[in-house]
Amino acid sequence: MAGIEFEAKVLDVDPAKIARLITDAGGTCMTGTRLMRRYVYDTIPAMPGRWVRLRDTGSEITLCVKQITTDAVDGTHETEVAVDNFEEAAALLRLTGLTPRSYQENRRTSYTLGAVCLEVDEWPRIPPYLEIEADDETQVWMTAAVLGIDHDQLTSINTTKVYGLYGIDLDSIADLRFE
């Protein structure tokens, strides 16, 4: 599957408060908090803003190429396929010459509000954030407004740049896990 991701983040959120805002607005919690794990690889040739990700969400395993073209709400392009085994897919990638540049973990709780997906992401070393992902930009802005989130509280920067806001170079961390 290939396409543009329409998403924005609200940084430094209280997961319990966000959960209440979403459910009070009519949203539904789709999953409990789950551990996600991923390997991140450079493409060949390596290109800034483009990488390969093998991710286990706890309910599905995907392999994708992500490319950031801008920090706008529609600036991320993703081509993704499902795979059935995290370890075997990692071994297959190693056989092709791809070596992971990092292993990363985060925790995620997923909600829906109408057709919009809302994810509360918790990553090691930084405060949690809310991600709003929809089929188009208008739905992202409207969902934020329904939750009482001002437009100026939203950002579409990627997780690497979020870490940078906290003075952490995510690209320099080869193994990012919860303690």
N, C-alpha and C. Protein backbone atom coordinates (compact mmCIF):
# COMPACT_ATOMS: atom_id res chain seq x y z
N MET A 1 0.84 -1.17 0.00
CA MET A 1 0.00 0.00 0.00
C MET A 1 0.89 1.24 0.00
N ALA A 2 0.61 2.17 -0.87
CA ALA A 2 1.38 3.40 -0.94
C ALA A 2 0.44 4.58 -0.76
N GLY A 3 0.96 5.63 -0.18
CA GLY A 3 0.12 6.80 -0.05
C GLY A 3 0.72 7.88 0.80
N ILE A 4 -0.02 8.96 0.88
CA ILE A 4 0.36 10.10 1.70
C ILE A 4 -0.30 9.94 3.06
N GLU A 5 0.45 10.21 4.11
CA GLU A 5 -0.11 10.22 5.46
C GLU A 5 -0.50 11.66 5.78
N PHE A 6 -1.73 11.86 6.21
CA PHE A 6 -2.18 13.16 6.68
C PHE A 6 -2.21 13.07 8.20
N GLU A 7 -1.20 13.68 8.85
CA GLU A 7 -1.13 13.54 10.30
C GLU A 7 -0.50 14.76 10.94
N ALA A 8 -0.87 14.96 12.20
CA ALA A 8 -0.29 16.03 13.01
C ALA A 8 -0.17 15.51 14.43
N LYS A 9 0.77 16.08 15.17
CA LYS A 9 1.04 15.67 16.55
C LYS A 9 0.74 16.82 17.51
N VAL A 10 0.35 16.43 18.73
CA VAL A 10 0.26 17.35 19.86
C VAL A 10 1.28 16.84 20.86
N LEU A 11 2.30 17.63 21.14
CA LEU A 11 3.40 17.18 21.98
C LEU A 11 3.08 17.36 23.46
N ASP A 12 3.79 16.57 24.27
CA ASP A 12 3.77 16.71 25.73
C ASP A 12 2.35 16.64 26.29
N VAL A 13 1.68 15.50 26.04
CA VAL A 13 0.30 15.34 26.50
C VAL A 13 0.25 14.42 27.73
N ASP A 14 -0.84 14.55 28.45
CA ASP A 14 -1.16 13.64 29.55
C ASP A 14 -2.06 12.55 28.96
N PRO A 15 -1.58 11.29 28.86
CA PRO A 15 -2.37 10.24 28.22
C PRO A 15 -3.78 10.07 28.80
N ALA A 16 -3.93 10.16 30.12
CA ALA A 16 -5.25 10.00 30.74
C ALA A 16 -6.18 11.15 30.34
N LYS A 17 -5.68 12.37 30.31
CA LYS A 17 -6.50 13.53 29.93
C LYS A 17 -6.91 13.42 28.46
N ILE A 18 -5.98 13.04 27.60
CA ILE A 18 -6.30 12.88 26.17
C ILE A 18 -7.34 11.79 25.98
N ALA A 19 -7.20 10.68 26.72
CA ALA A 19 -8.18 9.59 26.62
C ALA A 19 -9.58 10.10 26.96
N ARG A 20 -9.68 10.91 28.00
CA ARG A 20 -10.98 11.47 28.39
C ARG A 20 -11.53 12.40 27.31
N LEU A 21 -10.67 13.25 26.76
CA LEU A 21 -11.11 14.17 25.70
C LEU A 21 -11.66 13.39 24.50
N ILE A 22 -10.96 12.32 24.12
CA ILE A 22 -11.38 11.54 22.96
C ILE A 22 -12.70 10.83 23.24
N THR A 23 -12.81 10.17 24.39
CA THR A 23 -14.04 9.43 24.68
C THR A 23 -15.22 10.38 24.94
N ASP A 24 -14.96 11.52 25.57
CA ASP A 24 -16.03 12.50 25.78
C ASP A 24 -16.55 13.06 24.45
N ALA A 25 -15.68 13.07 23.42
CA ALA A 25 -16.08 13.56 22.10
C ALA A 25 -16.76 12.46 21.27
N GLY A 26 -16.88 11.26 21.86
CA GLY A 26 -17.53 10.16 21.14
C GLY A 26 -16.57 9.15 20.55
N GLY A 27 -15.29 9.30 20.86
CA GLY A 27 -14.29 8.37 20.34
C GLY A 27 -14.28 7.06 21.10
N THR A 28 -13.61 6.08 20.53
CA THR A 28 -13.54 4.74 21.09
C THR A 28 -12.09 4.30 21.21
N CYS A 29 -11.75 3.70 22.35
CA CYS A 29 -10.42 3.11 22.52
C CYS A 29 -10.42 1.78 21.77
N MET A 30 -9.52 1.63 20.81
CA MET A 30 -9.47 0.43 19.98
C MET A 30 -8.52 -0.63 20.54
N THR A 31 -7.48 -0.19 21.22
CA THR A 31 -6.52 -1.13 21.80
C THR A 31 -6.07 -0.60 23.15
N GLY A 32 -5.73 -1.50 24.03
CA GLY A 32 -5.04 -1.08 25.24
C GLY A 32 -3.63 -0.66 24.86
N THR A 33 -2.92 -0.16 25.82
CA THR A 33 -1.54 0.24 25.55
C THR A 33 -0.73 -1.01 25.23
N ARG A 34 -0.01 -0.95 24.11
CA ARG A 34 0.78 -2.10 23.68
C ARG A 34 2.19 -1.68 23.31
N LEU A 35 3.11 -2.61 23.48
CA LEU A 35 4.50 -2.37 23.11
C LEU A 35 4.67 -2.57 21.62
N MET A 36 5.32 -1.62 20.99
CA MET A 36 5.66 -1.74 19.57
C MET A 36 7.18 -1.76 19.46
N ARG A 37 7.66 -2.52 18.51
CA ARG A 37 9.10 -2.59 18.29
C ARG A 37 9.38 -2.47 16.80
N ARG A 38 10.54 -1.91 16.49
CA ARG A 38 10.88 -1.68 15.09
C ARG A 38 12.38 -1.71 14.88
N TYR A 39 12.76 -2.09 13.68
CA TYR A 39 14.12 -1.89 13.19
C TYR A 39 14.04 -0.81 12.13
N VAL A 40 15.03 0.07 12.15
CA VAL A 40 15.10 1.14 11.16
C VAL A 40 16.38 0.93 10.35
N TYR A 41 16.25 1.03 9.03
CA TYR A 41 17.36 0.79 8.10
C TYR A 41 17.50 1.99 7.18
N ASP A 42 18.73 2.27 6.78
CA ASP A 42 18.95 3.25 5.71
C ASP A 42 18.63 2.58 4.39
N THR A 43 18.15 3.39 3.43
CA THR A 43 17.94 2.86 2.08
C THR A 43 19.30 2.79 1.38
N ILE A 44 19.33 2.10 0.27
CA ILE A 44 20.55 2.02 -0.53
C ILE A 44 20.24 2.63 -1.89
N PRO A 45 20.88 3.77 -2.23
CA PRO A 45 21.79 4.53 -1.38
C PRO A 45 21.02 5.26 -0.28
N ALA A 46 21.74 5.58 0.79
CA ALA A 46 21.14 6.32 1.90
C ALA A 46 20.73 7.71 1.40
N MET A 47 19.51 8.12 1.78
CA MET A 47 19.02 9.44 1.40
C MET A 47 18.40 10.11 2.61
N PRO A 48 18.70 11.39 2.83
CA PRO A 48 18.08 12.10 3.96
C PRO A 48 16.55 12.07 3.83
N GLY A 49 15.88 11.80 4.95
CA GLY A 49 14.43 11.82 4.96
C GLY A 49 13.77 10.57 4.39
N ARG A 50 14.56 9.54 4.09
CA ARG A 50 13.97 8.29 3.58
C ARG A 50 14.61 7.12 4.29
N TRP A 51 13.77 6.17 4.74
CA TRP A 51 14.30 5.01 5.45
C TRP A 51 13.36 3.83 5.31
N VAL A 52 13.85 2.66 5.69
CA VAL A 52 13.06 1.44 5.71
C VAL A 52 12.74 1.14 7.16
N ARG A 53 11.50 0.70 7.41
CA ARG A 53 11.09 0.36 8.77
C ARG A 53 10.42 -1.01 8.78
N LEU A 54 10.89 -1.88 9.65
CA LEU A 54 10.23 -3.15 9.94
C LEU A 54 9.62 -2.98 11.32
N ARG A 55 8.27 -3.11 11.43
CA ARG A 55 7.61 -2.81 12.70
C ARG A 55 6.63 -3.90 13.10
N ASP A 56 6.68 -4.22 14.38
CA ASP A 56 5.72 -5.14 15.00
C ASP A 56 4.87 -4.31 15.94
N THR A 57 3.58 -4.18 15.63
CA THR A 57 2.69 -3.35 16.43
C THR A 57 2.03 -4.12 17.56
N GLY A 58 2.29 -5.43 17.62
CA GLY A 58 1.61 -6.27 18.58
C GLY A 58 0.42 -6.97 17.97
N SER A 59 -0.11 -6.41 16.87
CA SER A 59 -1.23 -7.06 16.17
C SER A 59 -0.93 -7.27 14.69
N GLU A 60 0.07 -6.58 14.16
CA GLU A 60 0.47 -6.77 12.77
C GLU A 60 1.95 -6.42 12.62
N ILE A 61 2.54 -6.98 11.57
CA ILE A 61 3.95 -6.72 11.28
C ILE A 61 4.00 -6.15 9.87
N THR A 62 4.67 -5.01 9.73
CA THR A 62 4.74 -4.36 8.42
C THR A 62 6.17 -3.99 8.08
N LEU A 63 6.42 -3.92 6.79
CA LEU A 63 7.69 -3.45 6.24
C LEU A 63 7.34 -2.29 5.33
N CYS A 64 8.01 -1.17 5.53
CA CYS A 64 7.67 -0.02 4.69
C CYS A 64 8.89 0.83 4.41
N VAL A 65 8.74 1.64 3.38
CA VAL A 65 9.70 2.71 3.09
C VAL A 65 8.94 4.00 3.37
N LYS A 66 9.52 4.83 4.23
CA LYS A 66 8.92 6.12 4.56
C LYS A 66 9.81 7.20 3.96
N GLN A 67 9.16 8.24 3.46
CA GLN A 67 9.89 9.37 2.93
C GLN A 67 9.22 10.65 3.37
N ILE A 68 10.01 11.50 4.02
CA ILE A 68 9.53 12.81 4.47
C ILE A 68 9.91 13.82 3.40
N THR A 69 8.91 14.46 2.80
CA THR A 69 9.20 15.48 1.79
C THR A 69 9.13 16.88 2.38
N THR A 70 8.25 17.06 3.39
CA THR A 70 8.14 18.34 4.10
C THR A 70 7.64 18.06 5.51
N ASP A 71 7.66 19.08 6.35
CA ASP A 71 7.10 18.97 7.70
C ASP A 71 5.61 19.33 7.72
N ALA A 72 4.98 19.41 6.55
CA ALA A 72 3.56 19.73 6.46
C ALA A 72 2.72 18.51 6.85
N VAL A 73 1.44 18.73 7.06
CA VAL A 73 0.54 17.66 7.49
C VAL A 73 0.49 16.53 6.46
N ASP A 74 0.79 16.82 5.20
CA ASP A 74 0.78 15.81 4.14
C ASP A 74 2.18 15.51 3.61
N GLY A 75 3.20 15.73 4.44
CA GLY A 75 4.58 15.63 3.97
C GLY A 75 5.23 14.26 4.09
N THR A 76 4.50 13.24 4.58
CA THR A 76 5.07 11.91 4.72
C THR A 76 4.43 10.97 3.70
N HIS A 77 5.28 10.30 2.93
CA HIS A 77 4.82 9.31 1.96
C HIS A 77 5.29 7.95 2.44
N GLU A 78 4.41 6.96 2.33
CA GLU A 78 4.72 5.64 2.86
C GLU A 78 4.30 4.57 1.86
N THR A 79 5.18 3.60 1.63
CA THR A 79 4.85 2.41 0.85
C THR A 79 5.04 1.24 1.79
N GLU A 80 3.98 0.45 2.02
CA GLU A 80 3.99 -0.54 3.09
C GLU A 80 3.38 -1.87 2.63
N VAL A 81 3.95 -2.96 3.14
CA VAL A 81 3.39 -4.29 2.94
C VAL A 81 3.38 -5.01 4.28
N ALA A 82 2.46 -5.98 4.40
CA ALA A 82 2.41 -6.80 5.61
C ALA A 82 3.38 -7.97 5.46
N VAL A 83 4.01 -8.34 6.56
CA VAL A 83 4.84 -9.54 6.62
C VAL A 83 4.35 -10.36 7.80
N ASP A 84 4.70 -11.64 7.84
CA ASP A 84 4.10 -12.47 8.89
C ASP A 84 5.03 -12.83 10.03
N ASN A 85 6.32 -12.45 9.95
CA ASN A 85 7.23 -12.81 11.03
C ASN A 85 8.32 -11.75 11.16
N PHE A 86 8.36 -11.09 12.31
CA PHE A 86 9.31 -9.99 12.55
C PHE A 86 10.75 -10.47 12.43
N GLU A 87 11.11 -11.54 13.13
CA GLU A 87 12.49 -12.02 13.14
C GLU A 87 12.93 -12.52 11.77
N GLU A 88 12.05 -13.25 11.09
CA GLU A 88 12.42 -13.77 9.76
C GLU A 88 12.54 -12.65 8.74
N ALA A 89 11.70 -11.64 8.83
CA ALA A 89 11.80 -10.49 7.92
C ALA A 89 13.11 -9.75 8.18
N ALA A 90 13.50 -9.60 9.45
CA ALA A 90 14.78 -8.94 9.77
C ALA A 90 15.94 -9.76 9.21
N ALA A 91 15.86 -11.08 9.33
CA ALA A 91 16.92 -11.95 8.79
C ALA A 91 16.99 -11.83 7.27
N LEU A 92 15.84 -11.78 6.61
CA LEU A 92 15.81 -11.64 5.16
C LEU A 92 16.43 -10.31 4.74
N LEU A 93 16.11 -9.23 5.45
CA LEU A 93 16.71 -7.93 5.13
C LEU A 93 18.23 -7.96 5.30
N ARG A 94 18.70 -8.65 6.36
CA ARG A 94 20.16 -8.78 6.54
C ARG A 94 20.79 -9.52 5.36
N LEU A 95 20.11 -10.53 4.83
CA LEU A 95 20.63 -11.27 3.68
C LEU A 95 20.72 -10.41 2.43
N THR A 96 19.89 -9.38 2.35
CA THR A 96 19.94 -8.48 1.19
C THR A 96 21.02 -7.41 1.36
N GLY A 97 21.66 -7.38 2.53
CA GLY A 97 22.70 -6.39 2.78
C GLY A 97 22.26 -5.23 3.64
N LEU A 98 21.00 -5.21 4.04
CA LEU A 98 20.53 -4.13 4.92
C LEU A 98 20.81 -4.49 6.37
N THR A 99 21.49 -3.61 7.07
CA THR A 99 21.78 -3.78 8.49
C THR A 99 21.02 -2.70 9.25
N PRO A 100 20.31 -3.07 10.30
CA PRO A 100 19.55 -2.03 11.00
C PRO A 100 20.48 -0.98 11.60
N ARG A 101 20.08 0.28 11.44
CA ARG A 101 20.85 1.34 12.09
C ARG A 101 20.37 1.53 13.51
N SER A 102 19.13 1.04 13.80
CA SER A 102 18.65 1.13 15.17
C SER A 102 17.49 0.17 15.41
N TYR A 103 17.33 -0.13 16.70
CA TYR A 103 16.16 -0.85 17.20
C TYR A 103 15.45 0.14 18.12
N GLN A 104 14.12 0.25 17.98
CA GLN A 104 13.37 1.22 18.78
C GLN A 104 12.10 0.58 19.33
N GLU A 105 11.74 1.01 20.52
CA GLU A 105 10.48 0.61 21.13
C GLU A 105 9.65 1.84 21.47
N ASN A 106 8.35 1.70 21.39
CA ASN A 106 7.45 2.70 21.96
C ASN A 106 6.19 1.99 22.42
N ARG A 107 5.38 2.68 23.19
CA ARG A 107 4.08 2.16 23.60
C ARG A 107 3.02 3.01 22.92
N ARG A 108 1.95 2.35 22.50
CA ARG A 108 0.89 3.06 21.78
C ARG A 108 -0.47 2.60 22.27
N THR A 109 -1.38 3.58 22.42
CA THR A 109 -2.79 3.32 22.68
C THR A 109 -3.55 3.95 21.53
N SER A 110 -4.43 3.16 20.89
CA SER A 110 -5.12 3.60 19.67
C SER A 110 -6.60 3.87 19.93
N TYR A 111 -7.06 4.96 19.32
CA TYR A 111 -8.46 5.38 19.41
C TYR A 111 -8.97 5.70 18.01
N THR A 112 -10.28 5.69 17.86
CA THR A 112 -10.90 6.24 16.66
C THR A 112 -11.94 7.26 17.08
N LEU A 113 -12.09 8.26 16.26
CA LEU A 113 -13.13 9.27 16.42
C LEU A 113 -13.69 9.48 15.03
N GLY A 114 -14.84 8.88 14.76
CA GLY A 114 -15.34 8.83 13.40
C GLY A 114 -14.37 8.01 12.56
N ALA A 115 -13.94 8.56 11.43
CA ALA A 115 -13.01 7.86 10.55
C ALA A 115 -11.55 8.19 10.86
N VAL A 116 -11.31 8.97 11.90
CA VAL A 116 -9.96 9.45 12.22
C VAL A 116 -9.30 8.54 13.25
N CYS A 117 -8.02 8.25 13.03
CA CYS A 117 -7.23 7.45 13.97
C CYS A 117 -6.46 8.40 14.88
N LEU A 118 -6.51 8.12 16.18
CA LEU A 118 -5.75 8.89 17.15
C LEU A 118 -4.86 7.92 17.92
N GLU A 119 -3.59 8.24 18.03
CA GLU A 119 -2.63 7.38 18.71
C GLU A 119 -1.95 8.17 19.81
N VAL A 120 -1.96 7.63 21.02
CA VAL A 120 -1.16 8.22 22.09
C VAL A 120 0.13 7.41 22.12
N ASP A 121 1.22 8.06 21.76
CA ASP A 121 2.52 7.40 21.69
C ASP A 121 3.38 7.81 22.88
N GLU A 122 3.98 6.79 23.50
CA GLU A 122 4.93 7.00 24.59
C GLU A 122 6.25 6.40 24.14
N TRP A 123 7.28 7.24 24.13
CA TRP A 123 8.62 6.83 23.72
C TRP A 123 9.58 7.02 24.89
N PRO A 124 10.63 6.21 24.96
CA PRO A 124 11.62 6.42 26.01
C PRO A 124 12.25 7.82 25.92
N ARG A 125 12.46 8.43 27.08
CA ARG A 125 13.21 9.68 27.25
C ARG A 125 12.49 10.96 26.88
N ILE A 126 11.26 10.88 26.30
CA ILE A 126 10.52 12.11 25.95
C ILE A 126 9.08 11.99 26.47
N PRO A 127 8.40 13.14 26.62
CA PRO A 127 7.00 13.09 27.05
C PRO A 127 6.10 12.47 25.97
N PRO A 128 4.97 11.90 26.37
CA PRO A 128 4.04 11.32 25.40
C PRO A 128 3.50 12.38 24.44
N TYR A 129 3.05 11.92 23.27
CA TYR A 129 2.38 12.82 22.34
C TYR A 129 1.19 12.12 21.69
N LEU A 130 0.27 12.93 21.17
CA LEU A 130 -0.91 12.46 20.46
C LEU A 130 -0.67 12.66 18.98
N GLU A 131 -1.00 11.64 18.19
CA GLU A 131 -0.92 11.75 16.74
C GLU A 131 -2.33 11.61 16.19
N ILE A 132 -2.71 12.54 15.32
CA ILE A 132 -4.02 12.53 14.66
C ILE A 132 -3.77 12.22 13.20
N GLU A 133 -4.32 11.10 12.71
CA GLU A 133 -4.12 10.70 11.32
C GLU A 133 -5.48 10.50 10.66
N ALA A 134 -5.65 11.10 9.47
CA ALA A 134 -6.93 11.05 8.78
C ALA A 134 -6.72 10.89 7.28
N ASP A 135 -7.82 10.82 6.55
CA ASP A 135 -7.77 10.65 5.10
C ASP A 135 -7.44 11.94 4.36
N ASP A 136 -7.59 13.06 5.04
CA ASP A 136 -7.23 14.33 4.42
C ASP A 136 -6.92 15.36 5.52
N GLU A 137 -6.35 16.45 5.09
CA GLU A 137 -5.90 17.50 6.01
C GLU A 137 -7.06 18.11 6.80
N THR A 138 -8.19 18.33 6.13
CA THR A 138 -9.34 18.94 6.80
C THR A 138 -9.79 18.12 7.99
N GLN A 139 -9.82 16.79 7.85
CA GLN A 139 -10.24 15.93 8.96
C GLN A 139 -9.28 16.04 10.14
N VAL A 140 -7.99 16.20 9.85
CA VAL A 140 -7.01 16.36 10.93
C VAL A 140 -7.33 17.62 11.73
N TRP A 141 -7.53 18.75 11.02
CA TRP A 141 -7.79 20.02 11.71
C TRP A 141 -9.12 19.98 12.45
N MET A 142 -10.14 19.37 11.82
CA MET A 142 -11.47 19.33 12.46
C MET A 142 -11.45 18.46 13.71
N THR A 143 -10.72 17.35 13.67
CA THR A 143 -10.64 16.48 14.84
C THR A 143 -9.93 17.19 15.99
N ALA A 144 -8.86 17.90 15.66
CA ALA A 144 -8.16 18.67 16.70
C ALA A 144 -9.12 19.67 17.33
N ALA A 145 -9.89 20.36 16.51
CA ALA A 145 -10.84 21.37 17.03
C ALA A 145 -11.89 20.72 17.92
N VAL A 146 -12.40 19.55 17.53
CA VAL A 146 -13.39 18.84 18.34
C VAL A 146 -12.81 18.51 19.72
N LEU A 147 -11.51 18.22 19.76
CA LEU A 147 -10.85 17.88 21.03
C LEU A 147 -10.42 19.12 21.81
N GLY A 148 -10.67 20.31 21.25
CA GLY A 148 -10.29 21.54 21.94
C GLY A 148 -8.81 21.88 21.79
N ILE A 149 -8.20 21.35 20.74
CA ILE A 149 -6.77 21.59 20.49
C ILE A 149 -6.64 22.67 19.43
N ASP A 150 -5.96 23.76 19.77
CA ASP A 150 -5.75 24.85 18.83
C ASP A 150 -4.79 24.44 17.73
N HIS A 151 -4.99 25.01 16.56
CA HIS A 151 -4.15 24.74 15.39
C HIS A 151 -2.67 24.95 15.70
N ASP A 152 -2.36 26.00 16.50
CA ASP A 152 -0.95 26.30 16.78
C ASP A 152 -0.31 25.32 17.77
N GLN A 153 -1.10 24.41 18.35
CA GLN A 153 -0.55 23.36 19.22
C GLN A 153 -0.11 22.14 18.41
N LEU A 154 -0.43 22.12 17.12
CA LEU A 154 -0.15 20.96 16.27
C LEU A 154 1.17 21.12 15.54
N THR A 155 1.84 20.01 15.33
CA THR A 155 3.05 19.98 14.52
C THR A 155 3.01 18.71 13.68
N SER A 156 3.65 18.76 12.54
CA SER A 156 3.73 17.58 11.69
C SER A 156 5.17 17.08 11.55
N ILE A 157 6.04 17.49 12.47
CA ILE A 157 7.41 17.00 12.40
C ILE A 157 7.45 15.52 12.77
N ASN A 158 8.46 14.83 12.26
CA ASN A 158 8.57 13.40 12.54
C ASN A 158 9.18 13.16 13.91
N THR A 159 9.19 11.90 14.33
CA THR A 159 9.65 11.55 15.68
C THR A 159 11.11 11.93 15.90
N THR A 160 11.94 11.81 14.88
CA THR A 160 13.35 12.20 15.01
C THR A 160 13.45 13.68 15.40
N LYS A 161 12.65 14.52 14.75
CA LYS A 161 12.66 15.96 15.06
C LYS A 161 12.03 16.24 16.42
N VAL A 162 11.04 15.43 16.83
CA VAL A 162 10.47 15.58 18.17
C VAL A 162 11.57 15.35 19.20
N TYR A 163 12.33 14.28 19.04
CA TYR A 163 13.45 14.03 19.95
C TYR A 163 14.41 15.21 19.97
N GLY A 164 14.68 15.78 18.79
CA GLY A 164 15.57 16.94 18.70
C GLY A 164 15.10 18.12 19.53
N LEU A 165 13.76 18.31 19.63
CA LEU A 165 13.23 19.39 20.46
C LEU A 165 13.62 19.23 21.92
N TYR A 166 13.87 17.97 22.34
CA TYR A 166 14.27 17.69 23.72
C TYR A 166 15.78 17.50 23.85
N GLY A 167 16.51 17.92 22.80
CA GLY A 167 17.98 17.87 22.85
C GLY A 167 18.55 16.47 22.68
N ILE A 168 17.79 15.57 22.06
CA ILE A 168 18.25 14.19 21.89
C ILE A 168 18.36 13.88 20.40
N ASP A 169 19.53 13.39 19.98
CA ASP A 169 19.75 12.98 18.59
C ASP A 169 19.33 11.52 18.44
N LEU A 170 18.10 11.30 17.98
CA LEU A 170 17.57 9.95 17.87
C LEU A 170 18.41 9.09 16.93
N ASP A 171 18.94 9.69 15.88
CA ASP A 171 19.75 8.92 14.92
C ASP A 171 21.03 8.37 15.53
N SER A 172 21.44 8.92 16.66
CA SER A 172 22.68 8.45 17.29
C SER A 172 22.42 7.33 18.30
N ILE A 173 21.16 6.95 18.51
CA ILE A 173 20.81 5.93 19.49
C ILE A 173 20.54 4.62 18.75
N ALA A 174 21.43 3.66 18.91
CA ALA A 174 21.30 2.38 18.20
C ALA A 174 20.28 1.45 18.86
N ASP A 175 20.03 1.63 20.14
CA ASP A 175 19.11 0.73 20.86
C ASP A 175 18.27 1.58 21.82
N LEU A 176 17.01 1.81 21.45
CA LEU A 176 16.12 2.66 22.23
C LEU A 176 15.02 1.79 22.83
N ARG A 177 15.11 1.55 24.13
CA ARG A 177 14.15 0.68 24.82
C ARG A 177 13.69 1.34 26.11
N PHE A 178 12.55 0.86 26.59
CA PHE A 178 12.11 1.25 27.92
C PHE A 178 12.95 0.48 28.95
N GLU A 179 13.17 1.10 30.09
CA GLU A 179 13.97 0.43 31.13
C GLU A 179 13.15 -0.57 31.86
